[in-house]
């Protein structure tokens, strides 16, 4: 078995929605990012890549590469799923926490789980999405941005 952890954060900017776990979530802001700025998928990719000892998402999809400008982060996750299989592993489970004061994550969590599961080729019951606030502290507490962290367990493919 292999364990990985990932983290991502983006500052808020002008916009009317966020992309989280591949889902367009209505919000008063967007994010500053090279791709679509999906902190859920970025943290999950980092956790998966870390478990495989393959570096991070920036190594495989560098923001300096114009191909990834405004890219759908689900593309990154599907590419990481191929790497996972190529190294002989499958996702045992993923536990993801979104850190923000707003928007509310609960109403969108099941759709996020469905997208992530589809991209990774697993049942949605292997993926947990939850949220927390920082009680008004720090950049997320002040409403300056959004963050996510992910932990993954990889198991050998059967």
N, C-alpha and C. Protein backbone atom coordinates (compact mmCIF):
# COMPACT_ATOMS: atom_id res chain seq x y z
N UNK A 1 0.85 -1.18 0.00
CA UNK A 1 0.00 0.00 0.00
C UNK A 1 0.89 1.24 0.00
N UNK A 2 0.35 2.32 -0.51
CA UNK A 2 1.05 3.60 -0.49
C UNK A 2 0.08 4.68 -0.05
N UNK A 3 0.60 5.64 0.69
CA UNK A 3 -0.21 6.75 1.20
C UNK A 3 0.34 8.05 0.63
N UNK A 4 -0.55 8.96 0.23
CA UNK A 4 -0.13 10.26 -0.26
C UNK A 4 -0.97 11.35 0.36
N UNK A 5 -0.42 12.56 0.36
CA UNK A 5 -1.18 13.72 0.83
C UNK A 5 -0.91 14.88 -0.11
N UNK A 6 -1.91 15.73 -0.28
CA UNK A 6 -1.77 16.89 -1.15
C UNK A 6 -2.49 18.09 -0.59
N UNK A 7 -2.08 19.25 -1.04
CA UNK A 7 -2.67 20.51 -0.59
C UNK A 7 -2.63 21.49 -1.76
N UNK A 8 -3.66 22.32 -1.87
CA UNK A 8 -3.66 23.38 -2.87
C UNK A 8 -4.45 24.57 -2.33
N UNK A 9 -4.08 25.76 -2.78
CA UNK A 9 -4.76 26.99 -2.36
C UNK A 9 -4.75 27.96 -3.53
N UNK A 10 -5.83 28.69 -3.68
CA UNK A 10 -5.89 29.75 -4.69
C UNK A 10 -6.58 30.97 -4.09
N UNK A 11 -6.09 32.13 -4.47
CA UNK A 11 -6.70 33.40 -4.04
C UNK A 11 -7.94 33.66 -4.87
N UNK A 12 -8.92 34.30 -4.24
CA UNK A 12 -10.12 34.70 -4.95
C UNK A 12 -9.83 35.89 -5.87
N UNK A 13 -10.60 35.99 -6.94
CA UNK A 13 -10.51 37.08 -7.91
C UNK A 13 -11.92 37.31 -8.47
N UNK A 14 -12.01 38.18 -9.44
CA UNK A 14 -13.30 38.44 -10.07
C UNK A 14 -13.84 37.15 -10.69
N UNK A 15 -15.13 37.00 -10.65
CA UNK A 15 -15.77 35.83 -11.23
C UNK A 15 -17.11 35.57 -10.57
N UNK A 16 -17.82 34.57 -11.09
CA UNK A 16 -19.14 34.26 -10.55
C UNK A 16 -19.29 32.79 -10.17
N UNK A 17 -18.17 32.02 -10.24
CA UNK A 17 -18.23 30.61 -9.86
C UNK A 17 -16.83 30.08 -9.57
N UNK A 18 -16.80 28.95 -8.92
CA UNK A 18 -15.57 28.19 -8.68
C UNK A 18 -15.76 26.82 -9.30
N UNK A 19 -14.69 26.22 -9.75
CA UNK A 19 -14.73 24.82 -10.16
C UNK A 19 -14.11 24.03 -9.03
N UNK A 20 -14.90 23.11 -8.45
CA UNK A 20 -14.45 22.31 -7.32
C UNK A 20 -14.83 20.86 -7.58
N UNK A 21 -13.84 20.00 -7.64
CA UNK A 21 -14.11 18.60 -7.92
C UNK A 21 -14.77 18.40 -9.27
N UNK A 22 -14.47 19.29 -10.20
CA UNK A 22 -15.05 19.21 -11.54
C UNK A 22 -16.45 19.79 -11.65
N UNK A 23 -16.95 20.38 -10.58
CA UNK A 23 -18.31 20.93 -10.55
C UNK A 23 -18.23 22.45 -10.52
N UNK A 24 -19.04 23.10 -11.33
CA UNK A 24 -19.13 24.57 -11.32
C UNK A 24 -20.05 24.98 -10.16
N UNK A 25 -19.45 25.64 -9.17
CA UNK A 25 -20.17 26.02 -7.96
C UNK A 25 -20.39 27.54 -7.99
N UNK A 26 -21.65 27.99 -7.99
CA UNK A 26 -21.91 29.43 -7.98
C UNK A 26 -21.26 30.09 -6.77
N UNK A 27 -20.62 31.23 -7.01
CA UNK A 27 -19.97 31.95 -5.92
C UNK A 27 -19.79 33.41 -6.35
N UNK A 28 -19.50 34.25 -5.40
CA UNK A 28 -19.31 35.67 -5.68
C UNK A 28 -17.95 35.97 -6.30
N UNK A 29 -17.06 34.96 -6.33
CA UNK A 29 -15.71 35.14 -6.86
C UNK A 29 -15.28 33.93 -7.69
N UNK A 30 -14.26 34.13 -8.50
CA UNK A 30 -13.52 33.05 -9.13
C UNK A 30 -12.19 32.96 -8.41
N UNK A 31 -11.19 32.35 -9.06
CA UNK A 31 -9.86 32.26 -8.47
C UNK A 31 -8.80 32.69 -9.47
N UNK A 32 -7.66 33.08 -8.92
CA UNK A 32 -6.49 33.37 -9.75
C UNK A 32 -5.77 32.05 -9.95
N UNK A 33 -5.67 31.62 -11.20
CA UNK A 33 -5.03 30.33 -11.49
C UNK A 33 -4.66 30.27 -12.96
N UNK A 34 -3.71 29.40 -13.27
CA UNK A 34 -3.33 29.20 -14.68
C UNK A 34 -4.36 28.30 -15.37
N UNK A 35 -4.76 27.23 -14.69
CA UNK A 35 -5.80 26.35 -15.22
C UNK A 35 -7.14 26.85 -14.69
N UNK A 36 -8.09 25.93 -14.49
CA UNK A 36 -9.39 26.35 -13.94
C UNK A 36 -9.33 26.57 -12.42
N UNK A 37 -8.19 26.28 -11.79
CA UNK A 37 -8.01 26.56 -10.37
C UNK A 37 -8.80 25.65 -9.44
N UNK A 38 -9.08 24.42 -9.87
CA UNK A 38 -9.86 23.47 -9.06
C UNK A 38 -8.99 22.94 -7.93
N UNK A 39 -9.11 23.55 -6.73
CA UNK A 39 -8.26 23.16 -5.61
C UNK A 39 -8.49 21.72 -5.17
N UNK A 40 -9.70 21.21 -5.34
CA UNK A 40 -10.01 19.84 -4.96
C UNK A 40 -9.20 18.87 -5.83
N UNK A 41 -9.28 19.03 -7.14
CA UNK A 41 -8.56 18.13 -8.03
C UNK A 41 -7.06 18.33 -7.92
N UNK A 42 -6.60 19.56 -7.75
CA UNK A 42 -5.16 19.79 -7.62
C UNK A 42 -4.60 19.10 -6.38
N UNK A 43 -5.30 19.21 -5.26
CA UNK A 43 -4.85 18.54 -4.03
C UNK A 43 -4.89 17.03 -4.20
N UNK A 44 -5.94 16.52 -4.84
CA UNK A 44 -6.07 15.08 -5.06
C UNK A 44 -4.96 14.57 -5.97
N UNK A 45 -4.67 15.28 -7.05
CA UNK A 45 -3.58 14.88 -7.94
C UNK A 45 -2.25 14.85 -7.20
N UNK A 46 -2.00 15.86 -6.38
CA UNK A 46 -0.75 15.89 -5.61
C UNK A 46 -0.67 14.70 -4.65
N UNK A 47 -1.78 14.33 -4.03
CA UNK A 47 -1.78 13.19 -3.12
C UNK A 47 -1.50 11.89 -3.88
N UNK A 48 -2.12 11.73 -5.03
CA UNK A 48 -1.90 10.53 -5.84
C UNK A 48 -0.48 10.46 -6.36
N UNK A 49 0.01 11.57 -6.90
CA UNK A 49 1.38 11.60 -7.41
C UNK A 49 2.39 11.40 -6.28
N UNK A 50 2.12 11.98 -5.13
CA UNK A 50 3.01 11.81 -3.99
C UNK A 50 3.07 10.35 -3.54
N UNK A 51 1.93 9.67 -3.53
CA UNK A 51 1.90 8.27 -3.14
C UNK A 51 2.73 7.41 -4.10
N UNK A 52 2.80 7.84 -5.36
CA UNK A 52 3.59 7.12 -6.37
C UNK A 52 5.04 7.61 -6.41
N UNK A 53 5.37 8.60 -5.59
CA UNK A 53 6.71 9.22 -5.58
C UNK A 53 7.05 9.81 -6.95
N UNK A 54 6.05 10.47 -7.57
CA UNK A 54 6.23 11.06 -8.90
C UNK A 54 6.20 12.59 -8.88
N UNK A 55 6.45 13.19 -7.72
CA UNK A 55 6.46 14.65 -7.66
C UNK A 55 5.08 15.21 -7.45
N UNK A 56 4.85 16.39 -8.05
CA UNK A 56 3.57 17.07 -7.85
C UNK A 56 2.95 17.46 -9.18
N UNK A 57 1.78 18.03 -9.11
CA UNK A 57 1.03 18.39 -10.31
C UNK A 57 1.79 19.40 -11.18
N UNK A 58 2.53 20.29 -10.54
CA UNK A 58 3.30 21.29 -11.29
C UNK A 58 4.42 20.67 -12.11
N UNK A 59 4.93 19.54 -11.68
CA UNK A 59 5.97 18.85 -12.44
C UNK A 59 5.40 18.26 -13.73
N UNK A 60 4.18 17.76 -13.67
CA UNK A 60 3.56 17.10 -14.82
C UNK A 60 2.76 18.05 -15.70
N UNK A 61 2.23 19.10 -15.12
CA UNK A 61 1.40 20.07 -15.84
C UNK A 61 1.82 21.48 -15.43
N UNK A 62 3.04 21.89 -15.80
CA UNK A 62 3.58 23.16 -15.29
C UNK A 62 2.78 24.38 -15.75
N UNK A 63 2.58 25.33 -14.85
CA UNK A 63 1.85 26.54 -15.21
C UNK A 63 2.58 27.36 -16.27
N UNK A 64 3.86 27.09 -16.49
CA UNK A 64 4.61 27.80 -17.53
C UNK A 64 4.28 27.27 -18.93
N UNK A 65 3.59 26.15 -19.01
CA UNK A 65 3.24 25.55 -20.30
C UNK A 65 1.90 26.12 -20.77
N UNK A 66 1.88 26.80 -21.91
CA UNK A 66 0.62 27.41 -22.38
C UNK A 66 -0.49 26.40 -22.68
N UNK A 67 -0.14 25.11 -22.82
CA UNK A 67 -1.18 24.09 -23.06
C UNK A 67 -2.17 24.01 -21.91
N UNK A 68 -1.72 24.38 -20.71
CA UNK A 68 -2.57 24.22 -19.53
C UNK A 68 -3.30 25.50 -19.14
N UNK A 69 -3.16 26.56 -19.93
CA UNK A 69 -3.87 27.82 -19.66
C UNK A 69 -5.37 27.57 -19.75
N UNK A 70 -6.07 27.85 -18.67
CA UNK A 70 -7.53 27.66 -18.55
C UNK A 70 -7.96 26.22 -18.72
N UNK A 71 -7.06 25.27 -18.53
CA UNK A 71 -7.37 23.85 -18.71
C UNK A 71 -8.36 23.34 -17.67
N UNK A 72 -9.17 22.39 -18.09
CA UNK A 72 -10.07 21.67 -17.21
C UNK A 72 -9.22 20.72 -16.37
N UNK A 73 -9.24 20.88 -15.07
CA UNK A 73 -8.40 20.06 -14.19
C UNK A 73 -8.78 18.59 -14.22
N UNK A 74 -9.96 18.26 -14.70
CA UNK A 74 -10.33 16.85 -14.82
C UNK A 74 -9.38 16.15 -15.81
N UNK A 75 -8.85 16.90 -16.77
CA UNK A 75 -7.84 16.33 -17.68
C UNK A 75 -6.63 15.87 -16.87
N UNK A 76 -6.19 16.67 -15.92
CA UNK A 76 -5.05 16.31 -15.08
C UNK A 76 -5.34 15.03 -14.30
N UNK A 77 -6.53 14.96 -13.71
CA UNK A 77 -6.88 13.81 -12.89
C UNK A 77 -6.94 12.54 -13.74
N UNK A 78 -7.51 12.62 -14.93
CA UNK A 78 -7.56 11.44 -15.80
C UNK A 78 -6.16 11.00 -16.20
N UNK A 79 -5.26 11.95 -16.44
CA UNK A 79 -3.88 11.61 -16.77
C UNK A 79 -3.18 10.94 -15.59
N UNK A 80 -3.43 11.44 -14.39
CA UNK A 80 -2.85 10.83 -13.19
C UNK A 80 -3.41 9.43 -12.98
N UNK A 81 -4.69 9.21 -13.30
CA UNK A 81 -5.29 7.87 -13.19
C UNK A 81 -4.56 6.88 -14.10
N UNK A 82 -4.17 7.33 -15.28
CA UNK A 82 -3.40 6.47 -16.20
C UNK A 82 -2.04 6.14 -15.59
N UNK A 83 -1.40 7.14 -14.97
CA UNK A 83 -0.11 6.90 -14.31
C UNK A 83 -0.26 5.88 -13.18
N UNK A 84 -1.34 6.03 -12.43
CA UNK A 84 -1.63 5.12 -11.32
C UNK A 84 -1.69 3.68 -11.81
N UNK A 85 -2.49 3.46 -12.84
CA UNK A 85 -2.64 2.11 -13.41
C UNK A 85 -1.32 1.62 -13.98
N UNK A 86 -0.58 2.51 -14.64
CA UNK A 86 0.69 2.14 -15.23
C UNK A 86 1.73 1.69 -14.22
N UNK A 87 1.58 2.16 -12.99
CA UNK A 87 2.50 1.77 -11.92
C UNK A 87 1.95 0.61 -11.09
N UNK A 88 0.81 0.06 -11.53
CA UNK A 88 0.26 -1.12 -10.87
C UNK A 88 -0.58 -0.86 -9.63
N UNK A 89 -1.10 0.36 -9.49
CA UNK A 89 -1.90 0.70 -8.32
C UNK A 89 -3.31 1.15 -8.68
N UNK A 90 -4.18 1.02 -7.73
CA UNK A 90 -5.55 1.52 -7.83
C UNK A 90 -5.84 2.33 -6.57
N UNK A 91 -6.81 3.19 -6.65
CA UNK A 91 -7.20 3.98 -5.49
C UNK A 91 -7.93 3.10 -4.49
N UNK A 92 -7.41 3.05 -3.26
CA UNK A 92 -8.14 2.40 -2.17
C UNK A 92 -9.22 3.34 -1.68
N UNK A 93 -8.79 4.55 -1.31
CA UNK A 93 -9.75 5.60 -0.97
C UNK A 93 -9.05 6.96 -0.99
N UNK A 94 -9.87 7.99 -1.07
CA UNK A 94 -9.39 9.38 -1.00
C UNK A 94 -10.27 10.13 -0.03
N UNK A 95 -9.64 10.94 0.81
CA UNK A 95 -10.35 11.77 1.78
C UNK A 95 -9.93 13.21 1.51
N UNK A 96 -10.89 14.04 1.13
CA UNK A 96 -10.62 15.42 0.70
C UNK A 96 -11.37 16.39 1.59
N UNK A 97 -10.68 17.42 2.05
CA UNK A 97 -11.29 18.48 2.85
C UNK A 97 -11.12 19.80 2.13
N UNK A 98 -12.21 20.51 1.90
CA UNK A 98 -12.19 21.85 1.33
C UNK A 98 -12.22 22.83 2.50
N UNK A 99 -11.34 23.84 2.44
CA UNK A 99 -11.22 24.81 3.53
C UNK A 99 -11.66 26.17 3.01
N UNK A 100 -12.80 26.65 3.51
CA UNK A 100 -13.32 27.95 3.09
C UNK A 100 -14.46 28.36 4.02
N UNK A 101 -14.73 29.65 4.03
CA UNK A 101 -15.90 30.14 4.76
C UNK A 101 -17.13 30.05 3.85
N UNK A 102 -16.93 30.34 2.59
CA UNK A 102 -17.95 30.27 1.55
C UNK A 102 -17.28 29.90 0.25
N UNK A 103 -17.95 29.22 -0.64
CA UNK A 103 -19.35 28.79 -0.65
C UNK A 103 -19.56 27.53 0.20
N UNK A 104 -20.81 27.20 0.40
CA UNK A 104 -21.14 25.97 1.11
C UNK A 104 -20.82 24.79 0.18
N UNK A 105 -20.11 23.83 0.69
CA UNK A 105 -19.66 22.69 -0.10
C UNK A 105 -20.68 21.55 -0.09
N UNK A 106 -21.36 21.36 1.03
CA UNK A 106 -22.29 20.24 1.19
C UNK A 106 -23.24 20.00 0.03
N UNK A 107 -23.91 21.04 -0.49
CA UNK A 107 -24.86 20.82 -1.57
C UNK A 107 -24.21 20.30 -2.87
N UNK A 108 -22.90 20.38 -2.98
CA UNK A 108 -22.21 19.99 -4.21
C UNK A 108 -21.33 18.76 -4.03
N UNK A 109 -21.24 18.25 -2.81
CA UNK A 109 -20.29 17.17 -2.50
C UNK A 109 -20.58 15.89 -3.29
N UNK A 110 -21.83 15.51 -3.43
CA UNK A 110 -22.13 14.27 -4.15
C UNK A 110 -21.78 14.37 -5.63
N UNK A 111 -22.03 15.52 -6.23
CA UNK A 111 -21.65 15.70 -7.64
C UNK A 111 -20.13 15.66 -7.79
N UNK A 112 -19.42 16.25 -6.84
CA UNK A 112 -17.95 16.20 -6.88
C UNK A 112 -17.47 14.76 -6.78
N UNK A 113 -18.02 14.01 -5.83
CA UNK A 113 -17.63 12.61 -5.67
C UNK A 113 -17.86 11.83 -6.96
N UNK A 114 -18.99 12.08 -7.60
CA UNK A 114 -19.31 11.37 -8.85
C UNK A 114 -18.29 11.69 -9.95
N UNK A 115 -17.94 12.97 -10.08
CA UNK A 115 -16.95 13.36 -11.10
C UNK A 115 -15.60 12.72 -10.83
N UNK A 116 -15.14 12.82 -9.59
CA UNK A 116 -13.83 12.28 -9.24
C UNK A 116 -13.79 10.77 -9.42
N UNK A 117 -14.84 10.09 -8.99
CA UNK A 117 -14.92 8.64 -9.14
C UNK A 117 -14.89 8.24 -10.62
N UNK A 118 -15.64 8.95 -11.44
CA UNK A 118 -15.66 8.63 -12.87
C UNK A 118 -14.27 8.80 -13.48
N UNK A 119 -13.60 9.89 -13.13
CA UNK A 119 -12.27 10.15 -13.70
C UNK A 119 -11.23 9.15 -13.22
N UNK A 120 -11.40 8.60 -12.02
CA UNK A 120 -10.45 7.65 -11.47
C UNK A 120 -10.87 6.19 -11.71
N UNK A 121 -12.07 5.99 -12.27
CA UNK A 121 -12.54 4.64 -12.57
C UNK A 121 -12.83 3.81 -11.33
N UNK A 122 -13.37 4.46 -10.28
CA UNK A 122 -13.71 3.76 -9.04
C UNK A 122 -15.14 4.10 -8.64
N UNK A 123 -15.65 3.35 -7.68
CA UNK A 123 -16.97 3.67 -7.12
C UNK A 123 -16.86 4.92 -6.25
N UNK A 124 -17.91 5.71 -6.23
CA UNK A 124 -17.91 6.95 -5.45
C UNK A 124 -17.75 6.70 -3.96
N UNK A 125 -18.05 5.50 -3.48
CA UNK A 125 -17.89 5.24 -2.05
C UNK A 125 -16.43 5.15 -1.61
N UNK A 126 -15.50 5.31 -2.55
CA UNK A 126 -14.08 5.36 -2.20
C UNK A 126 -13.58 6.80 -2.02
N UNK A 127 -14.50 7.75 -2.21
CA UNK A 127 -14.09 9.16 -2.17
C UNK A 127 -14.96 9.91 -1.16
N UNK A 128 -14.29 10.61 -0.26
CA UNK A 128 -14.97 11.44 0.73
C UNK A 128 -14.68 12.91 0.44
N UNK A 129 -15.72 13.71 0.44
CA UNK A 129 -15.58 15.17 0.31
C UNK A 129 -16.24 15.80 1.53
N UNK A 130 -15.49 16.62 2.23
CA UNK A 130 -16.05 17.34 3.36
C UNK A 130 -15.47 18.74 3.38
N UNK A 131 -15.98 19.57 4.25
CA UNK A 131 -15.52 20.95 4.30
C UNK A 131 -15.37 21.40 5.75
N UNK A 132 -14.52 22.40 5.90
CA UNK A 132 -14.36 23.03 7.21
C UNK A 132 -14.08 24.51 6.98
N UNK A 133 -14.27 25.27 8.03
CA UNK A 133 -13.89 26.68 7.99
C UNK A 133 -12.68 26.85 8.88
N UNK A 134 -12.12 28.05 8.88
CA UNK A 134 -11.03 28.35 9.81
C UNK A 134 -11.49 29.36 10.85
N UNK A 135 -12.82 29.40 11.06
CA UNK A 135 -13.40 30.25 12.10
C UNK A 135 -12.96 31.71 11.96
N UNK A 136 -12.88 32.17 10.71
CA UNK A 136 -12.54 33.56 10.45
C UNK A 136 -11.06 33.86 10.48
N UNK A 137 -10.21 32.86 10.68
CA UNK A 137 -8.77 33.08 10.77
C UNK A 137 -8.08 32.80 9.43
N UNK A 138 -7.00 33.49 9.18
CA UNK A 138 -6.18 33.24 8.00
C UNK A 138 -6.83 33.67 6.70
N UNK A 139 -6.17 33.34 5.59
CA UNK A 139 -6.64 33.81 4.29
C UNK A 139 -8.00 33.24 3.92
N UNK A 140 -8.28 31.99 4.29
CA UNK A 140 -9.61 31.45 3.97
C UNK A 140 -10.65 32.06 4.90
N UNK A 141 -10.28 32.28 6.14
CA UNK A 141 -11.21 32.87 7.10
C UNK A 141 -11.60 34.29 6.75
N UNK A 142 -10.64 35.03 6.18
CA UNK A 142 -10.92 36.41 5.76
C UNK A 142 -11.61 36.46 4.40
N UNK A 143 -11.85 35.31 3.79
CA UNK A 143 -12.52 35.26 2.49
C UNK A 143 -11.61 35.67 1.35
N UNK A 144 -10.30 35.50 1.52
CA UNK A 144 -9.34 35.88 0.48
C UNK A 144 -9.06 34.74 -0.50
N UNK A 145 -9.45 33.53 -0.14
CA UNK A 145 -9.17 32.40 -1.00
C UNK A 145 -9.80 31.12 -0.50
N UNK A 146 -9.45 30.04 -1.18
CA UNK A 146 -9.99 28.71 -0.88
C UNK A 146 -8.85 27.71 -0.94
N UNK A 147 -8.93 26.68 -0.14
CA UNK A 147 -7.87 25.65 -0.09
C UNK A 147 -8.52 24.28 -0.01
N UNK A 148 -7.73 23.27 -0.31
CA UNK A 148 -8.16 21.89 -0.15
C UNK A 148 -6.96 21.04 0.21
N UNK A 149 -7.23 19.99 0.97
CA UNK A 149 -6.20 19.01 1.26
C UNK A 149 -6.78 17.63 1.01
N UNK A 150 -5.90 16.70 0.62
CA UNK A 150 -6.35 15.36 0.28
C UNK A 150 -5.37 14.33 0.83
N UNK A 151 -5.92 13.22 1.24
CA UNK A 151 -5.12 12.07 1.64
C UNK A 151 -5.62 10.88 0.81
N UNK A 152 -4.68 10.06 0.34
CA UNK A 152 -5.05 8.92 -0.49
C UNK A 152 -4.35 7.66 0.00
N UNK A 153 -5.01 6.55 -0.22
CA UNK A 153 -4.43 5.23 0.00
C UNK A 153 -4.49 4.51 -1.34
N UNK A 154 -3.33 4.04 -1.80
CA UNK A 154 -3.26 3.27 -3.04
C UNK A 154 -3.02 1.82 -2.69
N UNK A 155 -3.65 0.93 -3.44
CA UNK A 155 -3.49 -0.50 -3.25
C UNK A 155 -3.05 -1.12 -4.56
N UNK A 156 -2.29 -2.22 -4.49
CA UNK A 156 -1.90 -2.88 -5.74
C UNK A 156 -3.13 -3.31 -6.54
N UNK A 157 -3.04 -3.16 -7.85
CA UNK A 157 -4.16 -3.60 -8.71
C UNK A 157 -4.26 -5.10 -8.65
N UNK A 158 -5.48 -5.59 -8.63
CA UNK A 158 -5.66 -7.04 -8.57
C UNK A 158 -5.76 -7.64 -9.95
